[in-house]
Amino acid sequence: MNKKIEMILEPSPVNVSHDTYRRECRYTRGIQIEEQEFKAILDTMSDDSRLYFDFHNPRKEINKGTYLNGHSGLARNIYDYYKTNYSIELTELMNGKDFYVKII
């Protein structure tokens, strides 16, 4: 399968609500992932990884158009998923910088 996925560098910050911290997070980079693909990524997460994901994205539904808060653990899950399933290495995702995920 010929799959393409890449980091998006935003010309101006994208705001994503972080309900746990009760504030908006501003991201200058992000990644767009198809809904079914992201659900598959969630299914590969360990219990601890899923708990941490839910902490950063409480009560957010995984639907088209949803923006999610990214973090280093999620970056690792996304990286591993695309490397394992598509032989795609998203090295720019693994630099420790914050990012958003948009479900498409």
C-alpha atoms as a PDB file:
ATOM      1  CA  MET A   1       0.000   0.000   0.000  1.00  0.00           C
ATOM      2  CA  ASN A   2       1.297   3.456  -0.902  1.00  0.00           C
ATOM      3  CA  LYS A   3       0.585   5.494   2.244  1.00  0.00           C
ATOM      4  CA  LYS A   4       1.743   9.074   2.727  1.00  0.00           C
ATOM      5  CA  ILE A   5       1.811  10.866   6.068  1.00  0.00           C
ATOM      6  CA  GLU A   6       3.903  13.826   7.139  1.00  0.00           C
ATOM      7  CA  MET A   7       4.239  16.593   9.694  1.00  0.00           C
ATOM      8  CA  ILE A   8       2.495  19.857   8.878  1.00  0.00           C
ATOM      9  CA  LEU A   9       4.248  23.082   9.859  1.00  0.00           C
ATOM     10  CA  GLU A  10       1.658  25.763  10.516  1.00  0.00           C
ATOM     11  CA  PRO A  11       2.207  29.400   9.510  1.00  0.00           C
ATOM     12  CA  SER A  12       0.277  30.440  12.640  1.00  0.00           C
ATOM     13  CA  PRO A  13      -0.464  28.416  15.793  1.00  0.00           C
ATOM     14  CA  VAL A  14      -3.397  26.008  15.989  1.00  0.00           C
ATOM     15  CA  ASN A  15      -5.264  26.081  19.310  1.00  0.00           C
ATOM     16  CA  VAL A  16      -6.445  22.799  20.808  1.00  0.00           C
ATOM     17  CA  SER A  17      -8.385  22.669  24.069  1.00  0.00           C
ATOM     18  CA  HIS A  18      -6.794  20.780  26.933  1.00  0.00           C
ATOM     19  CA  ASP A  19      -9.675  20.123  29.295  1.00  0.00           C
ATOM     20  CA  THR A  20      -7.496  18.603  32.019  1.00  0.00           C
ATOM     21  CA  TYR A  21      -5.448  21.805  32.302  1.00  0.00           C
ATOM     22  CA  ARG A  22      -8.476  23.995  31.432  1.00  0.00           C
ATOM     23  CA  ARG A  23      -6.581  25.930  28.817  1.00  0.00           C
ATOM     24  CA  GLU A  24      -5.814  26.089  25.116  1.00  0.00           C
ATOM     25  CA  CYS A  25      -2.590  24.589  23.837  1.00  0.00           C
ATOM     26  CA  ARG A  26      -0.968  26.280  20.843  1.00  0.00           C
ATOM     27  CA  TYR A  27       0.786  24.094  18.312  1.00  0.00           C
ATOM     28  CA  THR A  28       2.855  25.115  15.311  1.00  0.00           C
ATOM     29  CA  ARG A  29       3.077  21.598  13.948  1.00  0.00           C
ATOM     30  CA  GLY A  30       0.739  18.693  13.585  1.00  0.00           C
ATOM     31  CA  ILE A  31      -0.196  15.557  11.763  1.00  0.00           C
ATOM     32  CA  GLN A  32      -3.407  14.435  10.071  1.00  0.00           C
ATOM     33  CA  ILE A  33      -4.487  10.825  10.531  1.00  0.00           C
ATOM     34  CA  GLU A  34      -7.535   9.042   9.150  1.00  0.00           C
ATOM     35  CA  GLU A  35     -10.164   8.141  11.730  1.00  0.00           C
ATOM     36  CA  GLN A  36      -9.921   4.356  11.299  1.00  0.00           C
ATOM     37  CA  GLU A  37      -6.129   4.515  11.296  1.00  0.00           C
ATOM     38  CA  PHE A  38      -6.079   6.471  14.557  1.00  0.00           C
ATOM     39  CA  LYS A  39      -8.482   4.019  16.162  1.00  0.00           C
ATOM     40  CA  ALA A  40      -6.095   1.247  15.139  1.00  0.00           C
ATOM     41  CA  ILE A  41      -3.244   3.176  16.788  1.00  0.00           C
ATOM     42  CA  LEU A  42      -5.288   3.464  19.989  1.00  0.00           C
ATOM     43  CA  ASP A  43      -5.841  -0.300  19.897  1.00  0.00           C
ATOM     44  CA  THR A  44      -2.070  -0.892  19.872  1.00  0.00           C
ATOM     45  CA  MET A  45      -1.474   1.193  23.007  1.00  0.00           C
ATOM     46  CA  SER A  46      -0.569  -0.340  26.322  1.00  0.00           C
ATOM     47  CA  ASP A  47      -2.875   0.403  29.250  1.00  0.00           C
ATOM     48  CA  ASP A  48      -0.420   3.016  30.597  1.00  0.00           C
ATOM     49  CA  SER A  49      -0.106   4.721  27.207  1.00  0.00           C
ATOM     50  CA  ARG A  50      -3.878   4.826  26.803  1.00  0.00           C
ATOM     51  CA  LEU A  51      -4.308   6.261  30.298  1.00  0.00           C
ATOM     52  CA  TYR A  52      -1.808   9.034  29.499  1.00  0.00           C
ATOM     53  CA  PHE A  53      -3.509   9.707  26.145  1.00  0.00           C
ATOM     54  CA  ASP A  54      -6.878  10.006  27.913  1.00  0.00           C
ATOM     55  CA  PHE A  55      -5.329  12.388  30.483  1.00  0.00           C
ATOM     56  CA  HIS A  56      -4.306  14.769  27.684  1.00  0.00           C
ATOM     57  CA  ASN A  57      -7.534  14.295  25.696  1.00  0.00           C
ATOM     58  CA  PRO A  58     -10.334  13.666  28.214  1.00  0.00           C
ATOM     59  CA  ARG A  59     -13.759  12.951  26.779  1.00  0.00           C
ATOM     60  CA  LYS A  60     -12.635  13.730  23.220  1.00  0.00           C
ATOM     61  CA  GLU A  61     -14.339  11.575  20.647  1.00  0.00           C
ATOM     62  CA  ILE A  62     -12.313  10.145  17.806  1.00  0.00           C
ATOM     63  CA  ASN A  63     -14.258  11.539  14.865  1.00  0.00           C
ATOM     64  CA  LYS A  64     -13.388  13.353  11.657  1.00  0.00           C
ATOM     65  CA  GLY A  65     -12.495  16.954  12.403  1.00  0.00           C
ATOM     66  CA  THR A  66     -11.418  16.351  16.023  1.00  0.00           C
ATOM     67  CA  TYR A  67      -8.124  17.915  17.147  1.00  0.00           C
ATOM     68  CA  LEU A  68      -6.118  16.064  19.780  1.00  0.00           C
ATOM     69  CA  ASN A  69      -3.185  17.037  21.982  1.00  0.00           C
ATOM     70  CA  GLY A  70      -0.012  15.203  21.069  1.00  0.00           C
ATOM     71  CA  HIS A  71       2.705  14.169  23.506  1.00  0.00           C
ATOM     72  CA  SER A  72       5.884  12.080  23.402  1.00  0.00           C
ATOM     73  CA  GLY A  73       4.116   8.802  24.236  1.00  0.00           C
ATOM     74  CA  LEU A  74       1.575   9.333  21.482  1.00  0.00           C
ATOM     75  CA  ALA A  75       4.388  10.253  19.101  1.00  0.00           C
ATOM     76  CA  ARG A  76       6.024   6.889  19.854  1.00  0.00           C
ATOM     77  CA  ASN A  77       2.756   5.010  19.271  1.00  0.00           C
ATOM     78  CA  ILE A  78       2.172   6.779  15.941  1.00  0.00           C
ATOM     79  CA  TYR A  79       5.796   6.250  14.872  1.00  0.00           C
ATOM     80  CA  ASP A  80       5.723   2.537  15.727  1.00  0.00           C
ATOM     81  CA  TYR A  81       2.373   2.011  13.990  1.00  0.00           C
ATOM     82  CA  TYR A  82       3.452   3.550  10.681  1.00  0.00           C
ATOM     83  CA  LYS A  83       6.878   1.905  10.774  1.00  0.00           C
ATOM     84  CA  THR A  84       5.378  -1.534  11.456  1.00  0.00           C
ATOM     85  CA  ASN A  85       2.441  -1.342   9.053  1.00  0.00           C
ATOM     86  CA  TYR A  86       3.779   0.807   6.211  1.00  0.00           C
ATOM     87  CA  SER A  87       7.582   0.955   6.652  1.00  0.00           C
ATOM     88  CA  ILE A  88       7.255   4.732   7.091  1.00  0.00           C
ATOM     89  CA  GLU A  89       9.579   6.378   9.606  1.00  0.00           C
ATOM     90  CA  LEU A  90       8.247   9.672  10.931  1.00  0.00           C
ATOM     91  CA  THR A  91      11.537  10.770  12.484  1.00  0.00           C
ATOM     92  CA  GLU A  92      10.446  14.429  12.718  1.00  0.00           C
ATOM     93  CA  LEU A  93       7.681  13.293  15.076  1.00  0.00           C
ATOM     94  CA  MET A  94      10.225  11.869  17.507  1.00  0.00           C
ATOM     95  CA  ASN A  95      12.055  15.084  18.444  1.00  0.00           C
ATOM     96  CA  GLY A  96      10.165  15.742  21.697  1.00  0.00           C
ATOM     97  CA  LYS A  97       8.322  18.832  20.412  1.00  0.00           C
ATOM     98  CA  ASP A  98       4.597  19.166  21.032  1.00  0.00           C
ATOM     99  CA  PHE A  99       2.169  18.606  18.183  1.00  0.00           C
ATOM    100  CA  TYR A 100      -1.520  18.229  17.436  1.00  0.00           C
ATOM    101  CA  VAL A 101      -3.328  15.380  15.708  1.00  0.00           C
ATOM    102  CA  LYS A 102      -6.254  16.155  13.425  1.00  0.00           C
ATOM    103  CA  ILE A 103      -8.579  13.251  12.666  1.00  0.00           C
ATOM    104  CA  ILE A 104      -9.535  13.247   8.994  1.00  0.00           C
END
